[in-house]
Amino acid sequence: LAVLRDVRVWHGGCPNLSGEARYLPCVEVSSPEYYEWFSQVFEAQHRKQGGNEDDLWWPALPLDFANGIKDPRAKLCCHDFVEADPAGEVNLHAGDLGWLARSVARQQW
């Protein structure tokens, strides 16, 4: 079974406001043209917001999670995305989604 989806309409363009994590493991594939377009748009938005090249792409994979990767090929592919600083924000919040829910979730009733 394969599910194909268009990344442009992920979540219908809306954030997850439920306060609960929703996971959907996936493999994302895109054309070189889409990647090039997306990179240009993302970088332009980042510069417009006052960002610079040093903080454009940030590590998003917690060190503990990276250390749990067994396949050496996968470890190599993920190397650039690992937050190496144990005191880095990503590592401090690994597995804790409460901080995210407080940031984006609406009041539950």
N, C-alpha and C. Protein backbone atom coordinates (compact mmCIF):
# COMPACT_ATOMS: atom_id res chain seq x y z
N LEU A 1 0.85 -1.18 0.00
CA LEU A 1 0.00 0.00 0.00
C LEU A 1 0.89 1.24 0.00
N ALA A 2 0.59 2.16 -0.83
CA ALA A 2 1.31 3.43 -0.88
C ALA A 2 0.30 4.56 -0.85
N VAL A 3 0.64 5.60 -0.12
CA VAL A 3 -0.20 6.80 -0.08
C VAL A 3 0.62 7.93 -0.69
N LEU A 4 0.10 8.52 -1.72
CA LEU A 4 0.76 9.65 -2.34
C LEU A 4 0.03 10.91 -1.92
N ARG A 5 0.79 11.93 -1.58
CA ARG A 5 0.16 13.18 -1.18
C ARG A 5 0.94 14.33 -1.76
N ASP A 6 0.28 15.42 -1.94
CA ASP A 6 0.89 16.63 -2.46
C ASP A 6 1.30 17.47 -1.26
N VAL A 7 2.61 17.72 -1.07
CA VAL A 7 3.08 18.43 0.11
C VAL A 7 2.54 19.85 0.19
N ARG A 8 2.07 20.39 -0.93
CA ARG A 8 1.54 21.75 -0.90
C ARG A 8 0.22 21.85 -0.14
N VAL A 9 -0.46 20.73 0.05
CA VAL A 9 -1.75 20.76 0.74
C VAL A 9 -1.72 19.96 2.04
N TRP A 10 -0.54 19.73 2.60
CA TRP A 10 -0.39 19.02 3.86
C TRP A 10 -1.18 19.74 4.95
N HIS A 11 -2.00 19.05 5.66
CA HIS A 11 -2.88 19.59 6.71
C HIS A 11 -3.81 20.66 6.16
N GLY A 12 -4.07 20.65 4.88
CA GLY A 12 -4.95 21.64 4.30
C GLY A 12 -4.44 23.06 4.49
N GLY A 13 -3.13 23.19 4.68
CA GLY A 13 -2.54 24.51 4.89
C GLY A 13 -2.78 25.05 6.29
N CYS A 14 -3.26 24.23 7.22
CA CYS A 14 -3.58 24.67 8.58
C CYS A 14 -2.68 23.98 9.60
N PRO A 15 -2.35 24.65 10.69
CA PRO A 15 -1.56 24.00 11.74
C PRO A 15 -2.40 23.01 12.54
N ASN A 16 -1.73 22.13 13.24
CA ASN A 16 -2.39 21.20 14.16
C ASN A 16 -2.68 21.97 15.45
N LEU A 17 -3.90 22.32 15.71
CA LEU A 17 -4.27 23.09 16.90
C LEU A 17 -4.83 22.22 18.02
N SER A 18 -4.73 20.91 17.87
CA SER A 18 -5.34 20.02 18.86
C SER A 18 -4.57 19.94 20.16
N GLY A 19 -3.29 20.30 20.15
CA GLY A 19 -2.48 20.13 21.35
C GLY A 19 -1.93 18.72 21.48
N GLU A 20 -2.30 17.83 20.58
CA GLU A 20 -1.82 16.45 20.57
C GLU A 20 -0.91 16.26 19.37
N ALA A 21 0.17 15.49 19.58
CA ALA A 21 1.07 15.20 18.46
C ALA A 21 0.38 14.23 17.51
N ARG A 22 0.54 14.48 16.24
CA ARG A 22 0.02 13.57 15.22
C ARG A 22 1.18 13.19 14.31
N TYR A 23 1.51 11.92 14.32
CA TYR A 23 2.65 11.45 13.55
C TYR A 23 2.19 10.76 12.29
N LEU A 24 2.92 10.99 11.23
CA LEU A 24 2.68 10.29 9.98
C LEU A 24 4.05 9.99 9.38
N PRO A 25 4.58 8.81 9.68
CA PRO A 25 5.88 8.46 9.09
C PRO A 25 5.76 8.48 7.58
N CYS A 26 6.77 9.01 6.92
CA CYS A 26 6.69 9.11 5.48
C CYS A 26 8.07 9.21 4.87
N VAL A 27 8.11 9.01 3.60
CA VAL A 27 9.28 9.29 2.79
C VAL A 27 8.83 10.35 1.80
N GLU A 28 9.52 11.46 1.79
CA GLU A 28 9.12 12.53 0.89
C GLU A 28 10.05 12.56 -0.31
N VAL A 29 9.46 12.63 -1.46
CA VAL A 29 10.19 12.68 -2.71
C VAL A 29 9.69 13.90 -3.47
N SER A 30 10.62 14.64 -4.03
CA SER A 30 10.21 15.79 -4.83
C SER A 30 11.10 15.90 -6.05
N SER A 31 10.62 16.60 -7.02
CA SER A 31 11.41 16.81 -8.22
C SER A 31 12.51 17.82 -7.91
N PRO A 32 13.59 17.79 -8.68
CA PRO A 32 14.64 18.80 -8.48
C PRO A 32 14.10 20.22 -8.67
N GLU A 33 13.14 20.37 -9.57
CA GLU A 33 12.56 21.70 -9.82
C GLU A 33 11.80 22.21 -8.59
N TYR A 34 11.02 21.32 -7.96
CA TYR A 34 10.28 21.73 -6.77
C TYR A 34 11.25 22.06 -5.64
N TYR A 35 12.28 21.25 -5.44
CA TYR A 35 13.26 21.51 -4.39
C TYR A 35 13.93 22.86 -4.60
N GLU A 36 14.32 23.14 -5.84
CA GLU A 36 14.97 24.41 -6.15
C GLU A 36 14.02 25.58 -5.88
N TRP A 37 12.77 25.46 -6.31
CA TRP A 37 11.78 26.52 -6.06
C TRP A 37 11.57 26.71 -4.56
N PHE A 38 11.36 25.62 -3.83
CA PHE A 38 11.11 25.71 -2.40
C PHE A 38 12.29 26.34 -1.68
N SER A 39 13.50 25.93 -2.03
CA SER A 39 14.70 26.47 -1.38
C SER A 39 14.79 27.97 -1.59
N GLN A 40 14.52 28.42 -2.81
CA GLN A 40 14.58 29.85 -3.10
C GLN A 40 13.54 30.63 -2.31
N VAL A 41 12.33 30.12 -2.24
CA VAL A 41 11.26 30.79 -1.50
C VAL A 41 11.59 30.82 -0.01
N PHE A 42 12.01 29.68 0.54
CA PHE A 42 12.34 29.60 1.97
C PHE A 42 13.48 30.55 2.33
N GLU A 43 14.53 30.54 1.51
CA GLU A 43 15.68 31.41 1.78
C GLU A 43 15.30 32.89 1.68
N ALA A 44 14.47 33.25 0.71
CA ALA A 44 14.03 34.64 0.56
C ALA A 44 13.21 35.08 1.77
N GLN A 45 12.30 34.22 2.23
CA GLN A 45 11.51 34.55 3.41
C GLN A 45 12.40 34.71 4.64
N HIS A 46 13.39 33.84 4.75
CA HIS A 46 14.31 33.90 5.89
C HIS A 46 15.09 35.22 5.90
N ARG A 47 15.60 35.61 4.74
CA ARG A 47 16.35 36.88 4.65
C ARG A 47 15.43 38.06 4.94
N LYS A 48 14.19 38.01 4.45
CA LYS A 48 13.24 39.10 4.66
C LYS A 48 12.94 39.29 6.15
N GLN A 49 13.00 38.18 6.90
CA GLN A 49 12.74 38.23 8.34
C GLN A 49 14.00 38.55 9.14
N GLY A 50 15.09 38.91 8.46
CA GLY A 50 16.31 39.31 9.15
C GLY A 50 17.29 38.19 9.42
N GLY A 51 17.02 37.02 8.89
CA GLY A 51 17.93 35.90 9.10
C GLY A 51 19.15 35.99 8.20
N ASN A 52 20.18 35.21 8.56
CA ASN A 52 21.37 35.17 7.73
C ASN A 52 21.69 33.73 7.34
N GLU A 53 22.73 33.54 6.56
CA GLU A 53 23.08 32.21 6.05
C GLU A 53 23.43 31.23 7.18
N ASP A 54 24.01 31.73 8.28
CA ASP A 54 24.45 30.85 9.36
C ASP A 54 23.29 30.16 10.08
N ASP A 55 22.13 30.79 10.11
CA ASP A 55 21.00 30.18 10.83
C ASP A 55 19.87 29.78 9.89
N LEU A 56 20.19 29.64 8.61
CA LEU A 56 19.16 29.29 7.63
C LEU A 56 18.64 27.88 7.84
N TRP A 57 19.50 26.90 7.86
CA TRP A 57 19.12 25.50 8.08
C TRP A 57 19.68 25.10 9.43
N TRP A 58 18.84 24.65 10.32
CA TRP A 58 19.26 24.34 11.68
C TRP A 58 19.12 22.85 11.96
N PRO A 59 19.93 22.33 12.91
CA PRO A 59 19.82 20.92 13.27
C PRO A 59 18.48 20.63 13.94
N ALA A 60 17.83 19.56 13.54
CA ALA A 60 16.51 19.25 14.07
C ALA A 60 16.40 17.85 14.65
N LEU A 61 17.48 17.07 14.57
CA LEU A 61 17.44 15.69 15.05
C LEU A 61 18.17 15.61 16.39
N PRO A 62 17.45 15.26 17.47
CA PRO A 62 18.10 15.16 18.79
C PRO A 62 19.22 14.13 18.78
N LEU A 63 20.27 14.42 19.52
CA LEU A 63 21.44 13.56 19.59
C LEU A 63 21.09 12.14 20.04
N ASP A 64 20.22 11.99 21.04
CA ASP A 64 19.82 10.66 21.50
C ASP A 64 19.14 9.86 20.40
N PHE A 65 18.31 10.53 19.62
CA PHE A 65 17.62 9.84 18.52
C PHE A 65 18.63 9.42 17.46
N ALA A 66 19.58 10.32 17.14
CA ALA A 66 20.60 10.02 16.14
C ALA A 66 21.47 8.85 16.59
N ASN A 67 21.80 8.82 17.88
CA ASN A 67 22.63 7.73 18.40
C ASN A 67 21.89 6.39 18.34
N GLY A 68 20.58 6.42 18.26
CA GLY A 68 19.79 5.20 18.19
C GLY A 68 19.67 4.63 16.78
N ILE A 69 20.16 5.36 15.79
CA ILE A 69 20.11 4.88 14.41
C ILE A 69 21.17 3.79 14.23
N LYS A 70 20.74 2.63 13.84
CA LYS A 70 21.66 1.48 13.73
C LYS A 70 22.34 1.39 12.36
N ASP A 71 21.60 1.67 11.32
CA ASP A 71 22.14 1.51 9.96
C ASP A 71 23.17 2.61 9.69
N PRO A 72 24.44 2.23 9.40
CA PRO A 72 25.47 3.25 9.18
C PRO A 72 25.17 4.17 7.99
N ARG A 73 24.45 3.66 6.99
CA ARG A 73 24.09 4.50 5.84
C ARG A 73 23.11 5.58 6.27
N ALA A 74 22.14 5.20 7.11
CA ALA A 74 21.17 6.18 7.61
C ALA A 74 21.85 7.19 8.53
N LYS A 75 22.77 6.72 9.35
CA LYS A 75 23.53 7.62 10.24
C LYS A 75 24.26 8.68 9.41
N LEU A 76 24.87 8.23 8.32
CA LEU A 76 25.61 9.14 7.46
C LEU A 76 24.68 10.17 6.82
N CYS A 77 23.53 9.72 6.36
CA CYS A 77 22.56 10.64 5.72
C CYS A 77 22.03 11.67 6.70
N CYS A 78 21.89 11.29 7.96
CA CYS A 78 21.30 12.18 8.97
C CYS A 78 22.32 13.08 9.66
N HIS A 79 23.59 12.85 9.40
CA HIS A 79 24.65 13.54 10.13
C HIS A 79 24.48 15.07 10.17
N ASP A 80 24.14 15.66 9.04
CA ASP A 80 24.02 17.12 8.96
C ASP A 80 22.83 17.68 9.72
N PHE A 81 21.90 16.83 10.12
CA PHE A 81 20.69 17.29 10.78
C PHE A 81 20.71 17.10 12.29
N VAL A 82 21.80 16.55 12.83
CA VAL A 82 21.90 16.24 14.26
C VAL A 82 22.31 17.48 15.04
N GLU A 83 21.61 17.75 16.14
CA GLU A 83 21.98 18.83 17.06
C GLU A 83 23.08 18.26 17.97
N ALA A 84 24.32 18.61 17.69
CA ALA A 84 25.47 18.04 18.41
C ALA A 84 25.63 18.60 19.82
N ASP A 85 25.12 19.80 20.06
CA ASP A 85 25.26 20.43 21.38
C ASP A 85 24.25 19.83 22.35
N PRO A 86 24.71 19.14 23.40
CA PRO A 86 23.77 18.55 24.36
C PRO A 86 22.84 19.58 25.00
N ALA A 87 23.29 20.84 25.07
CA ALA A 87 22.46 21.89 25.65
C ALA A 87 21.63 22.61 24.59
N GLY A 88 21.68 22.12 23.35
CA GLY A 88 20.89 22.73 22.27
C GLY A 88 19.40 22.54 22.51
N GLU A 89 18.62 23.47 21.99
CA GLU A 89 17.16 23.46 22.19
C GLU A 89 16.51 22.15 21.78
N VAL A 90 16.94 21.60 20.66
CA VAL A 90 16.37 20.34 20.17
C VAL A 90 16.61 19.21 21.17
N ASN A 91 17.81 19.15 21.73
CA ASN A 91 18.13 18.09 22.69
C ASN A 91 17.42 18.30 24.02
N LEU A 92 17.24 19.53 24.42
CA LEU A 92 16.56 19.81 25.69
C LEU A 92 15.10 19.40 25.67
N HIS A 93 14.49 19.40 24.48
CA HIS A 93 13.07 19.09 24.36
C HIS A 93 12.78 17.76 23.67
N ALA A 94 13.80 16.93 23.49
CA ALA A 94 13.60 15.64 22.81
C ALA A 94 12.55 14.81 23.56
N GLY A 95 11.51 14.42 22.86
CA GLY A 95 10.45 13.60 23.46
C GLY A 95 9.42 14.38 24.25
N ASP A 96 9.64 15.67 24.47
CA ASP A 96 8.70 16.50 25.23
C ASP A 96 7.94 17.38 24.27
N LEU A 97 6.67 17.09 24.06
CA LEU A 97 5.88 17.89 23.14
C LEU A 97 5.02 18.94 23.84
N GLY A 98 5.10 18.98 25.16
CA GLY A 98 4.31 19.96 25.91
C GLY A 98 4.63 21.39 25.54
N TRP A 99 5.92 21.69 25.34
CA TRP A 99 6.32 23.06 24.97
C TRP A 99 5.74 23.45 23.62
N LEU A 100 5.65 22.50 22.71
CA LEU A 100 5.09 22.78 21.39
C LEU A 100 3.59 23.04 21.50
N ALA A 101 2.90 22.21 22.27
CA ALA A 101 1.45 22.37 22.42
C ALA A 101 1.12 23.73 23.02
N ARG A 102 1.91 24.19 23.97
CA ARG A 102 1.65 25.50 24.58
C ARG A 102 1.85 26.62 23.56
N SER A 103 2.71 26.38 22.59
CA SER A 103 3.02 27.42 21.61
C SER A 103 1.97 27.54 20.52
N VAL A 104 1.35 26.42 20.13
CA VAL A 104 0.45 26.47 18.97
C VAL A 104 -0.97 26.02 19.24
N ALA A 105 -1.21 25.41 20.38
CA ALA A 105 -2.53 24.83 20.62
C ALA A 105 -3.52 25.87 21.16
N ARG A 106 -4.78 25.66 20.83
CA ARG A 106 -5.82 26.52 21.39
C ARG A 106 -6.28 25.93 22.73
N GLN A 107 -6.96 26.71 23.49
CA GLN A 107 -7.53 26.25 24.77
C GLN A 107 -8.46 25.08 24.52
N GLN A 108 -8.28 24.02 25.27
CA GLN A 108 -9.16 22.84 25.14
C GLN A 108 -10.35 23.00 26.08
N TRP A 109 -11.52 22.65 25.64
CA TRP A 109 -12.70 22.72 26.49
C TRP A 109 -13.51 21.49 26.36
